[in-house]
Protein backbone atom coordinates (compact mmCIF):
# COMPACT_ATOMS: atom_id res chain seq x y z
CA MET A 1 52.79 14.35 -5.90
CA ALA A 2 49.12 13.87 -6.66
CA LYS A 3 47.17 11.33 -4.78
CA LYS A 4 46.26 8.45 -6.98
CA GLU A 5 42.37 7.79 -6.79
CA LYS A 6 41.43 4.33 -6.16
CA GLN A 7 39.51 2.78 -8.97
CA PRO A 8 36.34 0.95 -8.15
CA VAL A 9 36.27 -2.78 -8.42
CA LYS A 10 33.51 -4.11 -10.88
CA CYS A 11 32.42 -7.50 -12.24
CA ALA A 12 33.78 -8.08 -15.50
CA GLN A 13 30.42 -9.61 -17.05
CA CYS A 14 28.03 -7.18 -15.36
CA ASP A 15 29.91 -4.32 -14.40
CA LEU A 16 28.44 -4.72 -10.98
CA GLU A 17 30.29 -2.37 -8.54
CA PHE A 18 31.84 -3.77 -5.37
CA SER A 19 31.86 -1.46 -2.11
CA ASP A 20 34.95 -1.60 0.12
CA SER A 21 33.13 -4.05 2.56
CA GLU A 22 31.92 -6.30 -0.04
CA LEU A 23 35.49 -6.85 -0.46
CA SER A 24 36.40 -7.70 2.58
CA GLU A 25 36.86 -11.18 3.92
CA LYS A 26 33.90 -10.58 6.14
CA HIS A 27 31.99 -10.48 3.09
CA LYS A 28 33.79 -13.06 1.22
CA ASN A 29 30.98 -14.25 -0.83
CA LYS A 30 30.43 -11.19 -2.42
CA ALA A 31 33.36 -10.70 -5.02
CA PHE A 32 35.59 -13.58 -6.67
CA VAL A 33 38.29 -13.80 -9.06
CA PHE A 34 38.00 -16.59 -11.75
CA LYS A 35 40.81 -16.87 -14.51
CA GLY A 36 42.01 -13.73 -13.72
CA LYS A 37 38.75 -11.65 -13.74
CA VAL A 38 36.74 -10.39 -10.98
CA MET A 39 32.95 -11.56 -11.14
CA CYS A 40 29.92 -11.39 -8.90
CA GLU A 41 28.43 -14.44 -7.71
CA ASP A 42 25.49 -14.44 -9.95
CA CYS A 43 27.64 -13.92 -13.21
CA LEU A 44 29.82 -17.16 -11.83
CA TYR A 45 26.61 -19.38 -11.45
CA LYS A 46 25.38 -18.08 -15.10
CA MET A 47 28.69 -19.30 -16.34
CA GLY A 48 28.24 -22.60 -14.74
CA VAL A 49 30.86 -21.83 -12.13
CA ASN A 50 30.54 -22.83 -8.36
CA ALA A 51 31.72 -20.45 -6.20
CA GLU A 52 34.25 -23.03 -4.65
CA ASP A 53 36.07 -23.16 -7.58
CA ALA A 54 36.90 -19.39 -7.70
CA MET A 55 38.93 -17.63 -5.23
CA THR A 56 37.57 -14.80 -3.33
CA TYR A 57 38.74 -11.33 -3.63
CA ALA A 58 40.15 -10.87 -0.52
CA ALA A 59 42.01 -14.28 -0.78
CA PHE A 60 43.06 -13.04 -4.22
CA LEU A 61 44.69 -9.69 -2.91
CA ASP A 62 46.26 -11.91 0.00
CA SER A 63 48.04 -13.77 -2.69
CA GLN A 64 49.27 -10.49 -4.45
CA GLU A 65 50.73 -9.10 -1.38
CA GLU A 66 52.87 -12.26 -0.80
CA LYS A 67 54.09 -12.00 -4.26
CA LYS A 68 55.69 -8.33 -3.47
CA PRO A 69 59.37 -8.16 -2.73
CA GLN A 70 59.99 -7.28 1.10
CA ASP A 71 61.36 -4.07 1.61
CA TYR A 72 64.30 -4.27 4.12
């Protein structure tokens, strides 16, 4: 079976590509999810949205993990 290539994570507005370190909780102020779209902090502000009103990408991934059914 061929290994699935990981797709880069990009801002939905400006196409800024995020590195893996920018998506981690350590760098939580780099990538956000707002209304189901990944956004950079600059684009959030341009839309008039505060970073506090959006979910960090790391928190979004954690919430998706919680929704997956557990393997027993």
